[in-house]
Amino acid sequence: MLIKFLEFMSYSEFTTLDKVKKAFSLIIEEDHNLFAQIEGVVLSDYLQQTLKEYLPLATAINTEKARSEFLIAPVLAELRRLANYQVSLFSGTEFDVDQEKGLSGYCDYIISCSKEQYFISVPVVTIVEAKNENIKGGLGQCIAEMVAAQIFNQQEHHPLAEIYGVVSTGTVWKFLILKDDVVFIDSQEYYINQVNIILAIMLLPITTLLS
């Protein structure tokens, strides 16, 4: 007897912008400077010292894991502090929303505007995709995860007007915003020496929800 198993896609299979655009009938906008007027936040001494120590280490090791642990994770921990610990942060967590659409698998980082830390709760506001050195190669996967967050919030009766996404190598950060079926990819890239601006951008959806 022949048994056929269903094969489902996962986030990692959305390897290009074209693939994710066609899969979810999205409109891609690439020519907007989304955060031109934003002002940076004041960094804690702890983050400044951490980045001073870890930046040379992460770039010397130069693996995705090292950049994620030594650069991205400390920045996201600072974000949680700046949000007065009103958000939850998930790392390497399974986020299965719709397997048939390929919206399943593990996300590098998920930020929810909820203090619940034992499980992912609504509203999910930001998805962070860590890549070694290829920002462009991570855009499709990040967008698929953003679509999943949008659907997850809707299913849990907490829809948001915008879902934020970030593709980061640790030293370079690229932001995206999903509004309905339109994905805005910021025309600018931000570097780790602009971490005060990076954090200010990531605080935007959180501040809106908490105000």
N, C-alpha and C. Protein backbone atom coordinates (compact mmCIF):
# COMPACT_ATOMS: atom_id res chain seq x y z
N MET A 1 0.85 -1.19 0.00
CA MET A 1 0.00 0.00 0.00
C MET A 1 0.88 1.24 0.00
N LEU A 2 0.60 2.15 -0.90
CA LEU A 2 1.37 3.39 -1.01
C LEU A 2 0.72 4.49 -0.19
N ILE A 3 1.46 5.04 0.71
CA ILE A 3 0.96 6.12 1.54
C ILE A 3 1.65 7.41 1.12
N LYS A 4 0.87 8.39 0.80
CA LYS A 4 1.42 9.69 0.37
C LYS A 4 1.29 10.69 1.51
N PHE A 5 2.40 11.28 1.89
CA PHE A 5 2.41 12.29 2.94
C PHE A 5 2.37 13.67 2.31
N LEU A 6 1.59 14.54 2.89
CA LEU A 6 1.54 15.92 2.42
C LEU A 6 2.83 16.63 2.80
N GLU A 7 3.39 17.35 1.86
CA GLU A 7 4.61 18.11 2.12
C GLU A 7 4.26 19.59 2.19
N PHE A 8 4.54 20.18 3.32
CA PHE A 8 4.22 21.59 3.52
C PHE A 8 5.49 22.42 3.40
N MET A 9 5.32 23.62 2.89
CA MET A 9 6.43 24.56 2.83
C MET A 9 6.66 25.16 4.21
N SER A 10 7.77 25.85 4.34
CA SER A 10 8.05 26.60 5.56
C SER A 10 8.58 27.97 5.17
N TYR A 11 8.73 28.83 6.17
CA TYR A 11 9.21 30.19 5.90
C TYR A 11 10.50 30.20 5.09
N SER A 12 11.40 29.28 5.40
CA SER A 12 12.72 29.29 4.78
C SER A 12 12.67 29.03 3.28
N GLU A 13 11.55 28.53 2.78
CA GLU A 13 11.44 28.25 1.35
C GLU A 13 11.06 29.49 0.53
N PHE A 14 10.73 30.58 1.21
CA PHE A 14 10.47 31.83 0.50
C PHE A 14 11.79 32.57 0.32
N THR A 15 12.54 32.10 -0.67
CA THR A 15 13.92 32.55 -0.84
C THR A 15 14.07 33.83 -1.65
N THR A 16 12.98 34.27 -2.31
CA THR A 16 13.06 35.48 -3.11
C THR A 16 11.82 36.35 -2.88
N LEU A 17 11.97 37.62 -3.21
CA LEU A 17 10.83 38.53 -3.14
C LEU A 17 9.73 38.12 -4.11
N ASP A 18 10.12 37.69 -5.30
CA ASP A 18 9.14 37.30 -6.30
C ASP A 18 8.29 36.13 -5.81
N LYS A 19 8.90 35.19 -5.14
CA LYS A 19 8.18 34.01 -4.66
C LYS A 19 7.14 34.38 -3.61
N VAL A 20 7.52 35.22 -2.66
CA VAL A 20 6.58 35.59 -1.61
C VAL A 20 5.51 36.53 -2.15
N LYS A 21 5.88 37.37 -3.09
CA LYS A 21 4.91 38.29 -3.71
C LYS A 21 3.80 37.51 -4.42
N LYS A 22 4.17 36.51 -5.20
CA LYS A 22 3.19 35.70 -5.92
C LYS A 22 2.36 34.83 -4.99
N ALA A 23 3.00 34.30 -3.96
CA ALA A 23 2.30 33.39 -3.05
C ALA A 23 1.17 34.07 -2.30
N PHE A 24 1.35 35.35 -1.96
CA PHE A 24 0.37 36.05 -1.14
C PHE A 24 -0.24 37.27 -1.83
N SER A 25 -0.03 37.37 -3.15
CA SER A 25 -0.60 38.47 -3.94
C SER A 25 -0.28 39.83 -3.33
N LEU A 26 0.98 40.04 -3.04
CA LEU A 26 1.43 41.27 -2.39
C LEU A 26 1.87 42.31 -3.40
N ILE A 27 1.82 43.55 -2.97
CA ILE A 27 2.38 44.67 -3.73
C ILE A 27 3.64 45.11 -3.00
N ILE A 28 4.74 45.23 -3.73
CA ILE A 28 6.02 45.60 -3.12
C ILE A 28 6.36 47.04 -3.49
N GLU A 29 6.59 47.87 -2.48
CA GLU A 29 7.03 49.26 -2.69
C GLU A 29 8.44 49.40 -2.13
N GLU A 30 9.38 49.86 -2.97
CA GLU A 30 10.79 49.86 -2.56
C GLU A 30 11.43 51.25 -2.52
N ASP A 31 10.70 52.30 -2.86
CA ASP A 31 11.34 53.60 -3.07
C ASP A 31 10.98 54.63 -2.01
N HIS A 32 10.65 54.18 -0.81
CA HIS A 32 10.27 55.11 0.25
C HIS A 32 11.32 55.13 1.35
N ASN A 33 11.71 56.33 1.76
CA ASN A 33 12.53 56.50 2.96
C ASN A 33 11.54 56.58 4.12
N LEU A 34 11.31 55.48 4.78
CA LEU A 34 10.19 55.36 5.72
C LEU A 34 10.39 56.13 7.02
N PHE A 35 11.63 56.36 7.39
CA PHE A 35 11.87 56.90 8.74
C PHE A 35 12.82 58.11 8.69
N ALA A 36 12.65 58.93 7.69
CA ALA A 36 13.59 60.04 7.48
C ALA A 36 13.64 61.02 8.64
N GLN A 37 12.51 61.21 9.32
CA GLN A 37 12.43 62.25 10.35
C GLN A 37 12.62 61.73 11.78
N ILE A 38 12.91 60.45 11.92
CA ILE A 38 12.94 59.88 13.27
C ILE A 38 14.20 60.31 14.03
N GLU A 39 14.05 60.51 15.34
CA GLU A 39 15.17 60.86 16.20
C GLU A 39 15.57 59.65 17.05
N GLY A 40 16.83 59.54 17.32
CA GLY A 40 17.34 58.40 18.06
C GLY A 40 17.00 58.44 19.53
N VAL A 41 17.07 57.27 20.17
CA VAL A 41 16.83 57.17 21.61
C VAL A 41 18.16 57.27 22.35
N VAL A 42 18.08 57.41 23.65
CA VAL A 42 19.27 57.42 24.50
C VAL A 42 19.59 55.98 24.89
N LEU A 43 20.80 55.56 24.63
CA LEU A 43 21.20 54.18 24.90
C LEU A 43 21.68 54.01 26.33
N SER A 44 21.47 52.84 26.87
CA SER A 44 22.00 52.54 28.19
C SER A 44 23.51 52.33 28.11
N ASP A 45 24.18 52.60 29.21
CA ASP A 45 25.62 52.34 29.26
C ASP A 45 25.91 50.86 29.01
N TYR A 46 24.99 50.01 29.47
CA TYR A 46 25.18 48.56 29.32
C TYR A 46 25.25 48.18 27.85
N LEU A 47 24.30 48.68 27.02
CA LEU A 47 24.31 48.32 25.60
C LEU A 47 25.55 48.88 24.92
N GLN A 48 25.92 50.10 25.24
CA GLN A 48 27.10 50.69 24.62
C GLN A 48 28.34 49.85 24.92
N GLN A 49 28.48 49.42 26.16
CA GLN A 49 29.64 48.61 26.53
C GLN A 49 29.57 47.23 25.90
N THR A 50 28.37 46.67 25.84
CA THR A 50 28.20 45.34 25.24
C THR A 50 28.59 45.35 23.77
N LEU A 51 28.12 46.34 23.03
CA LEU A 51 28.44 46.40 21.60
C LEU A 51 29.92 46.70 21.38
N LYS A 52 30.49 47.52 22.25
CA LYS A 52 31.92 47.82 22.14
C LYS A 52 32.75 46.55 22.28
N GLU A 53 32.32 45.67 23.17
CA GLU A 53 33.04 44.43 23.42
C GLU A 53 32.74 43.36 22.38
N TYR A 54 31.46 43.26 21.98
CA TYR A 54 31.04 42.13 21.15
C TYR A 54 31.14 42.37 19.65
N LEU A 55 31.12 43.63 19.22
CA LEU A 55 31.17 43.90 17.78
C LEU A 55 32.41 43.31 17.12
N PRO A 56 33.61 43.54 17.65
CA PRO A 56 34.79 42.92 17.02
C PRO A 56 34.73 41.40 17.06
N LEU A 57 34.18 40.84 18.14
CA LEU A 57 34.10 39.38 18.27
C LEU A 57 33.14 38.80 17.24
N ALA A 58 31.96 39.41 17.11
CA ALA A 58 30.95 38.90 16.18
C ALA A 58 31.43 38.98 14.74
N THR A 59 32.09 40.07 14.38
CA THR A 59 32.55 40.23 13.00
C THR A 59 33.76 39.34 12.71
N ALA A 60 34.55 39.04 13.74
CA ALA A 60 35.69 38.14 13.55
C ALA A 60 35.23 36.70 13.36
N ILE A 61 34.27 36.26 14.19
CA ILE A 61 33.72 34.91 14.02
C ILE A 61 32.95 34.84 12.71
N ASN A 62 32.16 35.87 12.46
CA ASN A 62 31.46 36.09 11.19
C ASN A 62 30.57 34.91 10.78
N THR A 63 29.80 34.41 11.74
CA THR A 63 28.76 33.44 11.42
C THR A 63 27.41 34.07 11.78
N GLU A 64 26.35 33.52 11.20
CA GLU A 64 25.02 34.03 11.50
C GLU A 64 24.70 33.89 12.98
N LYS A 65 25.10 32.79 13.57
CA LYS A 65 24.83 32.54 14.99
C LYS A 65 25.54 33.56 15.87
N ALA A 66 26.82 33.83 15.56
CA ALA A 66 27.58 34.79 16.36
C ALA A 66 27.00 36.19 16.24
N ARG A 67 26.65 36.60 15.04
CA ARG A 67 26.08 37.93 14.84
C ARG A 67 24.73 38.05 15.54
N SER A 68 23.95 36.97 15.51
CA SER A 68 22.65 36.97 16.17
C SER A 68 22.79 37.08 17.68
N GLU A 69 23.69 36.30 18.25
CA GLU A 69 23.84 36.25 19.71
C GLU A 69 24.53 37.50 20.26
N PHE A 70 25.56 37.95 19.59
CA PHE A 70 26.39 39.02 20.15
C PHE A 70 25.95 40.43 19.75
N LEU A 71 25.17 40.55 18.67
CA LEU A 71 24.76 41.87 18.22
C LEU A 71 23.25 42.06 18.24
N ILE A 72 22.52 41.17 17.58
CA ILE A 72 21.08 41.37 17.47
C ILE A 72 20.39 41.18 18.82
N ALA A 73 20.70 40.12 19.53
CA ALA A 73 20.04 39.84 20.81
C ALA A 73 20.22 40.97 21.83
N PRO A 74 21.43 41.53 22.00
CA PRO A 74 21.56 42.65 22.95
C PRO A 74 20.75 43.87 22.55
N VAL A 75 20.64 44.14 21.25
CA VAL A 75 19.83 45.28 20.80
C VAL A 75 18.36 45.05 21.13
N LEU A 76 17.87 43.83 20.91
CA LEU A 76 16.47 43.53 21.21
C LEU A 76 16.19 43.54 22.71
N ALA A 77 17.17 43.13 23.49
CA ALA A 77 17.02 43.22 24.95
C ALA A 77 16.92 44.67 25.39
N GLU A 78 17.68 45.54 24.74
CA GLU A 78 17.60 46.98 25.02
C GLU A 78 16.23 47.52 24.64
N LEU A 79 15.69 47.03 23.51
CA LEU A 79 14.34 47.43 23.09
C LEU A 79 13.32 47.09 24.18
N ARG A 80 13.44 45.91 24.73
CA ARG A 80 12.52 45.48 25.80
C ARG A 80 12.64 46.40 27.01
N ARG A 81 13.86 46.81 27.33
CA ARG A 81 14.06 47.73 28.46
C ARG A 81 13.44 49.08 28.16
N LEU A 82 13.65 49.59 26.94
CA LEU A 82 13.10 50.89 26.56
C LEU A 82 11.58 50.88 26.56
N ALA A 83 10.99 49.71 26.30
CA ALA A 83 9.53 49.57 26.33
C ALA A 83 9.02 49.28 27.74
N ASN A 84 9.89 49.50 28.72
CA ASN A 84 9.52 49.30 30.13
C ASN A 84 9.02 47.88 30.39
N TYR A 85 9.61 46.92 29.67
CA TYR A 85 9.31 45.49 29.84
C TYR A 85 7.84 45.17 29.60
N GLN A 86 7.21 45.95 28.72
CA GLN A 86 5.81 45.71 28.36
C GLN A 86 5.69 44.83 27.12
N VAL A 87 6.82 44.34 26.60
CA VAL A 87 6.81 43.47 25.43
C VAL A 87 7.47 42.15 25.77
N SER A 88 7.13 41.14 24.98
CA SER A 88 7.79 39.84 25.11
C SER A 88 8.67 39.61 23.89
N LEU A 89 9.74 38.87 24.10
CA LEU A 89 10.73 38.62 23.06
C LEU A 89 10.96 37.12 22.95
N PHE A 90 10.83 36.60 21.73
CA PHE A 90 10.99 35.17 21.49
C PHE A 90 12.13 34.96 20.50
N SER A 91 12.97 33.98 20.78
CA SER A 91 14.13 33.70 19.94
C SER A 91 14.11 32.24 19.50
N GLY A 92 14.18 32.02 18.18
CA GLY A 92 14.21 30.66 17.65
C GLY A 92 12.97 29.86 18.00
N THR A 93 11.81 30.53 17.95
CA THR A 93 10.55 29.92 18.38
C THR A 93 9.72 29.47 17.19
N GLU A 94 9.08 28.31 17.34
CA GLU A 94 8.20 27.81 16.30
C GLU A 94 6.95 28.69 16.22
N PHE A 95 6.58 29.03 14.99
CA PHE A 95 5.44 29.93 14.76
C PHE A 95 4.62 29.36 13.61
N ASP A 96 3.79 28.38 13.92
CA ASP A 96 2.98 27.70 12.91
C ASP A 96 1.61 28.36 12.81
N VAL A 97 1.36 29.02 11.72
CA VAL A 97 0.11 29.76 11.52
C VAL A 97 -0.77 29.10 10.46
N ASP A 98 -0.17 28.73 9.32
CA ASP A 98 -0.94 28.09 8.24
C ASP A 98 0.04 27.25 7.42
N GLN A 99 0.13 25.97 7.74
CA GLN A 99 1.10 25.10 7.08
C GLN A 99 0.85 24.98 5.59
N GLU A 100 -0.40 24.94 5.18
CA GLU A 100 -0.71 24.78 3.76
C GLU A 100 -0.21 25.94 2.93
N LYS A 101 -0.11 27.11 3.53
CA LYS A 101 0.39 28.30 2.82
C LYS A 101 1.89 28.48 3.01
N GLY A 102 2.52 27.58 3.73
CA GLY A 102 3.94 27.70 3.99
C GLY A 102 4.28 28.60 5.16
N LEU A 103 3.27 28.97 5.92
CA LEU A 103 3.48 29.87 7.06
C LEU A 103 3.69 29.05 8.32
N SER A 104 4.82 28.38 8.35
CA SER A 104 5.16 27.55 9.50
C SER A 104 6.67 27.45 9.59
N GLY A 105 7.13 27.02 10.75
CA GLY A 105 8.56 26.90 10.96
C GLY A 105 9.01 27.79 12.10
N TYR A 106 10.30 28.05 12.13
CA TYR A 106 10.90 28.80 13.23
C TYR A 106 11.27 30.21 12.78
N CYS A 107 11.00 31.17 13.65
CA CYS A 107 11.39 32.56 13.41
C CYS A 107 12.59 32.89 14.30
N ASP A 108 13.51 33.66 13.75
CA ASP A 108 14.68 34.02 14.54
C ASP A 108 14.28 34.82 15.78
N TYR A 109 13.49 35.88 15.58
CA TYR A 109 13.01 36.68 16.71
C TYR A 109 11.59 37.16 16.43
N ILE A 110 10.76 37.11 17.45
CA ILE A 110 9.40 37.63 17.39
C ILE A 110 9.21 38.57 18.57
N ILE A 111 8.64 39.73 18.30
CA ILE A 111 8.34 40.69 19.37
C ILE A 111 6.84 40.87 19.45
N SER A 112 6.30 40.66 20.63
CA SER A 112 4.87 40.84 20.86
C SER A 112 4.66 41.94 21.89
N CYS A 113 3.63 42.73 21.66
CA CYS A 113 3.31 43.80 22.61
C CYS A 113 2.44 43.22 23.73
N SER A 114 3.02 42.26 24.41
CA SER A 114 2.37 41.57 25.53
C SER A 114 3.46 41.17 26.51
N LYS A 115 3.16 41.18 27.79
CA LYS A 115 4.15 40.79 28.80
C LYS A 115 4.24 39.28 28.96
N GLU A 116 3.34 38.53 28.29
CA GLU A 116 3.34 37.08 28.39
C GLU A 116 4.58 36.50 27.70
N GLN A 117 5.44 35.84 28.47
CA GLN A 117 6.71 35.37 27.94
C GLN A 117 6.76 33.85 27.73
N TYR A 118 5.77 33.12 28.21
CA TYR A 118 5.81 31.67 28.10
C TYR A 118 5.24 31.15 26.78
N PHE A 119 4.48 31.96 26.08
CA PHE A 119 3.97 31.59 24.77
C PHE A 119 3.70 32.86 23.98
N ILE A 120 3.66 32.72 22.65
CA ILE A 120 3.45 33.87 21.78
C ILE A 120 2.00 34.32 21.89
N SER A 121 1.83 35.56 22.28
CA SER A 121 0.49 36.13 22.44
C SER A 121 0.34 37.35 21.55
N VAL A 122 -0.89 37.70 21.24
CA VAL A 122 -1.14 38.88 20.41
C VAL A 122 -0.98 40.15 21.26
N PRO A 123 -0.67 41.26 20.59
CA PRO A 123 -0.38 41.35 19.16
C PRO A 123 1.11 41.18 18.86
N VAL A 124 1.42 40.36 17.86
CA VAL A 124 2.78 40.30 17.35
C VAL A 124 3.01 41.55 16.51
N VAL A 125 4.05 42.30 16.84
CA VAL A 125 4.27 43.59 16.17
C VAL A 125 5.47 43.60 15.23
N THR A 126 6.49 42.79 15.53
CA THR A 126 7.72 42.86 14.74
C THR A 126 8.33 41.47 14.59
N ILE A 127 8.81 41.19 13.39
CA ILE A 127 9.55 39.98 13.08
C ILE A 127 10.98 40.39 12.74
N VAL A 128 11.96 39.69 13.32
CA VAL A 128 13.36 39.99 13.03
C VAL A 128 14.01 38.75 12.44
N GLU A 129 14.53 38.87 11.25
CA GLU A 129 15.20 37.77 10.56
C GLU A 129 16.70 38.03 10.55
N ALA A 130 17.46 37.10 11.10
CA ALA A 130 18.91 37.24 11.18
C ALA A 130 19.57 36.56 9.98
N LYS A 131 20.46 37.26 9.34
CA LYS A 131 21.22 36.71 8.22
C LYS A 131 22.70 37.01 8.43
N ASN A 132 23.53 36.20 7.80
CA ASN A 132 24.96 36.40 7.97
C ASN A 132 25.40 37.68 7.26
N GLU A 133 25.37 37.68 5.93
CA GLU A 133 25.81 38.87 5.21
C GLU A 133 24.89 39.23 4.05
N ASN A 134 23.79 38.53 3.88
CA ASN A 134 22.94 38.71 2.71
C ASN A 134 21.58 39.25 3.11
N ILE A 135 21.47 40.58 3.13
CA ILE A 135 20.20 41.22 3.49
C ILE A 135 19.12 40.89 2.47
N LYS A 136 19.43 41.04 1.19
CA LYS A 136 18.44 40.80 0.14
C LYS A 136 17.90 39.38 0.20
N GLY A 137 18.76 38.43 0.49
CA GLY A 137 18.35 37.04 0.54
C GLY A 137 17.40 36.72 1.67
N GLY A 138 17.30 37.60 2.65
CA GLY A 138 16.41 37.36 3.79
C GLY A 138 15.06 38.04 3.68
N LEU A 139 14.87 38.88 2.66
CA LEU A 139 13.65 39.67 2.57
C LEU A 139 12.41 38.79 2.36
N GLY A 140 12.50 37.82 1.46
CA GLY A 140 11.34 36.96 1.19
C GLY A 140 10.87 36.21 2.41
N GLN A 141 11.82 35.62 3.14
CA GLN A 141 11.46 34.88 4.34
C GLN A 141 10.87 35.79 5.41
N CYS A 142 11.45 36.97 5.58
CA CYS A 142 10.95 37.91 6.57
C CYS A 142 9.52 38.33 6.24
N ILE A 143 9.25 38.59 4.96
CA ILE A 143 7.90 39.00 4.56
C ILE A 143 6.91 37.88 4.82
N ALA A 144 7.28 36.63 4.54
CA ALA A 144 6.39 35.50 4.81
C ALA A 144 6.06 35.44 6.30
N GLU A 145 7.03 35.69 7.14
CA GLU A 145 6.80 35.68 8.59
C GLU A 145 5.93 36.85 9.01
N MET A 146 6.06 37.98 8.33
CA MET A 146 5.21 39.14 8.61
C MET A 146 3.76 38.84 8.23
N VAL A 147 3.57 38.18 7.09
CA VAL A 147 2.22 37.78 6.68
C VAL A 147 1.63 36.84 7.73
N ALA A 148 2.44 35.92 8.22
CA ALA A 148 1.98 35.01 9.26
C ALA A 148 1.56 35.77 10.52
N ALA A 149 2.35 36.77 10.90
CA ALA A 149 2.01 37.59 12.07
C ALA A 149 0.71 38.34 11.85
N GLN A 150 0.51 38.85 10.65
CA GLN A 150 -0.73 39.55 10.32
C GLN A 150 -1.93 38.62 10.47
N ILE A 151 -1.83 37.41 9.92
CA ILE A 151 -2.92 36.43 10.02
C ILE A 151 -3.13 35.99 11.46
N PHE A 152 -2.04 35.76 12.18
CA PHE A 152 -2.12 35.34 13.58
C PHE A 152 -2.88 36.37 14.41
N ASN A 153 -2.55 37.64 14.23
CA ASN A 153 -3.26 38.70 14.97
C ASN A 153 -4.74 38.74 14.61
N GLN A 154 -5.04 38.57 13.33
CA GLN A 154 -6.43 38.57 12.89
C GLN A 154 -7.20 37.39 13.47
N GLN A 155 -6.58 36.23 13.47
CA GLN A 155 -7.23 35.04 14.02
C GLN A 155 -7.52 35.18 15.50
N GLU A 156 -6.65 35.90 16.19
CA GLU A 156 -6.81 36.10 17.63
C GLU A 156 -7.59 37.38 17.95
N HIS A 157 -8.24 37.94 16.93
CA HIS A 157 -9.12 39.10 17.08
C HIS A 157 -8.37 40.33 17.61
N HIS A 158 -7.14 40.50 17.15
CA HIS A 158 -6.36 41.68 17.51
C HIS A 158 -5.59 42.16 16.28
N PRO A 159 -6.32 42.53 15.22
CA PRO A 159 -5.63 42.97 13.98
C PRO A 159 -4.89 44.27 14.19
N LEU A 160 -3.75 44.39 13.50
CA LEU A 160 -2.97 45.62 13.54
C LEU A 160 -2.91 46.23 12.14
N ALA A 161 -2.83 47.54 12.09
CA ALA A 161 -2.74 48.23 10.80
C ALA A 161 -1.39 47.97 10.14
N GLU A 162 -0.36 47.76 10.96
CA GLU A 162 0.99 47.58 10.43
C GLU A 162 1.72 46.47 11.17
N ILE A 163 2.48 45.69 10.42
CA ILE A 163 3.42 44.73 10.98
C ILE A 163 4.81 45.16 10.53
N TYR A 164 5.73 45.25 11.47
CA TYR A 164 7.11 45.63 11.14
C TYR A 164 7.96 44.37 10.94
N GLY A 165 8.92 44.50 10.06
CA GLY A 165 9.88 43.44 9.84
C GLY A 165 11.28 44.02 9.75
N VAL A 166 12.26 43.21 10.12
CA VAL A 166 13.66 43.63 10.04
C VAL A 166 14.48 42.44 9.53
N VAL A 167 15.34 42.70 8.56
CA VAL A 167 16.36 41.73 8.19
C VAL A 167 17.69 42.34 8.62
N SER A 168 18.45 41.59 9.41
CA SER A 168 19.66 42.17 9.98
C SER A 168 20.83 41.18 9.94
N THR A 169 21.99 41.71 9.65
CA THR A 169 23.23 40.94 9.79
C THR A 169 23.87 41.22 11.15
N GLY A 170 23.21 42.02 11.96
CA GLY A 170 23.82 42.49 13.20
C GLY A 170 24.49 43.83 13.00
N THR A 171 25.23 43.96 11.91
CA THR A 171 25.88 45.24 11.62
C THR A 171 25.06 46.10 10.68
N VAL A 172 24.19 45.46 9.86
CA VAL A 172 23.32 46.18 8.93
C VAL A 172 21.87 45.78 9.22
N TRP A 173 20.97 46.78 9.21
CA TRP A 173 19.55 46.54 9.53
C TRP A 173 18.68 47.14 8.43
N LYS A 174 17.77 46.34 7.89
CA LYS A 174 16.86 46.75 6.83
C LYS A 174 15.43 46.56 7.31
N PHE A 175 14.63 47.64 7.24
CA PHE A 175 13.27 47.60 7.79
C PHE A 175 12.21 47.46 6.69
N LEU A 176 11.11 46.80 7.08
CA LEU A 176 9.96 46.63 6.21
C LEU A 176 8.70 46.89 7.01
N ILE A 177 7.64 47.30 6.32
CA ILE A 177 6.32 47.46 6.95
C ILE A 177 5.28 46.80 6.06
N LEU A 178 4.43 45.98 6.65
CA LEU A 178 3.32 45.35 5.94
C LEU A 178 2.02 46.03 6.33
N LYS A 179 1.35 46.64 5.33
CA LYS A 179 0.04 47.25 5.54
C LYS A 179 -0.94 46.58 4.59
N ASP A 180 -1.91 45.86 5.12
CA ASP A 180 -2.85 45.10 4.29
C ASP A 180 -2.06 44.18 3.36
N ASP A 181 -2.11 44.44 2.05
CA ASP A 181 -1.37 43.58 1.11
C ASP A 181 -0.20 44.31 0.46
N VAL A 182 0.24 45.40 1.08
CA VAL A 182 1.36 46.18 0.56
C VAL A 182 2.55 46.06 1.50
N VAL A 183 3.71 45.72 0.94
CA VAL A 183 4.95 45.65 1.71
C VAL A 183 5.83 46.83 1.32
N PHE A 184 6.14 47.67 2.28
CA PHE A 184 7.05 48.80 2.06
C PHE A 184 8.44 48.38 2.55
N ILE A 185 9.39 48.38 1.65
CA ILE A 185 10.77 48.08 2.00
C ILE A 185 11.53 49.39 2.07
N ASP A 186 12.05 49.71 3.21
CA ASP A 186 12.74 50.99 3.39
C ASP A 186 13.90 51.11 2.40
N SER A 187 14.01 52.25 1.77
CA SER A 187 15.08 52.46 0.81
C SER A 187 16.44 52.62 1.49
N GLN A 188 16.40 52.85 2.80
CA GLN A 188 17.63 53.06 3.56
C GLN A 188 18.04 51.79 4.30
N GLU A 189 19.33 51.68 4.56
CA GLU A 189 19.84 50.67 5.47
C GLU A 189 20.49 51.39 6.65
N TYR A 190 20.38 50.78 7.82
CA TYR A 190 20.95 51.38 9.03
C TYR A 190 22.05 50.48 9.56
N TYR A 191 23.08 51.12 10.10
CA TYR A 191 24.26 50.40 10.55
C TYR A 191 24.33 50.42 12.08
N ILE A 192 25.10 49.50 12.62
CA ILE A 192 25.11 49.30 14.06
C ILE A 192 25.57 50.55 14.81
N ASN A 193 26.34 51.42 14.16
CA ASN A 193 26.71 52.67 14.82
C ASN A 193 25.55 53.67 14.87
N GLN A 194 24.43 53.29 14.22
CA GLN A 194 23.18 54.07 14.30
C GLN A 194 22.15 53.34 15.16
N VAL A 195 22.62 52.58 16.12
CA VAL A 195 21.72 51.75 16.91
C VAL A 195 20.67 52.57 17.65
N ASN A 196 20.97 53.82 17.96
CA ASN A 196 19.96 54.67 18.60
C ASN A 196 18.78 54.93 17.65
N ILE A 197 19.05 55.02 16.34
CA ILE A 197 17.99 55.17 15.34
C ILE A 197 17.25 53.85 15.13
N ILE A 198 18.01 52.76 15.06
CA ILE A 198 17.42 51.42 14.90
C ILE A 198 16.40 51.15 16.00
N LEU A 199 16.77 51.44 17.23
CA LEU A 199 15.87 51.21 18.36
C LEU A 199 14.67 52.15 18.32
N ALA A 200 14.88 53.38 17.89
CA ALA A 200 13.77 54.33 17.80
C ALA A 200 12.74 53.83 16.79
N ILE A 201 13.20 53.27 15.68
CA ILE A 201 12.28 52.73 14.67
C ILE A 201 11.50 51.55 15.24
N MET A 202 12.19 50.67 15.92
CA MET A 202 11.54 49.47 16.45
C MET A 202 10.56 49.79 17.58
N LEU A 203 10.74 50.93 18.20
CA LEU A 203 9.82 51.35 19.27
C LEU A 203 8.51 51.91 18.72
N LEU A 204 8.50 52.31 17.45
CA LEU A 204 7.33 52.99 16.90
C LEU A 204 6.04 52.19 17.05
N PRO A 205 5.97 50.93 16.60
CA PRO A 205 4.69 50.20 16.74
C PRO A 205 4.35 49.89 18.19
N ILE A 206 5.37 49.73 19.02
CA ILE A 206 5.14 49.44 20.43
C ILE A 206 4.56 50.65 21.14
N THR A 207 5.17 51.81 20.89
CA THR A 207 4.70 53.05 21.51
C THR A 207 3.26 53.35 21.11
N THR A 208 2.94 53.10 19.84
CA THR A 208 1.58 53.34 19.36
C THR A 208 0.57 52.49 20.13
N LEU A 209 0.90 51.23 20.37
CA LEU A 209 -0.02 50.33 21.05
C LEU A 209 -0.11 50.62 22.55
N LEU A 210 0.99 51.07 23.14
CA LEU A 210 1.00 51.29 24.59
C LEU A 210 0.48 52.66 24.98
N SER A 211 0.37 53.57 24.01
CA SER A 211 -0.05 54.92 24.35
C SER A 211 -1.57 54.99 24.58
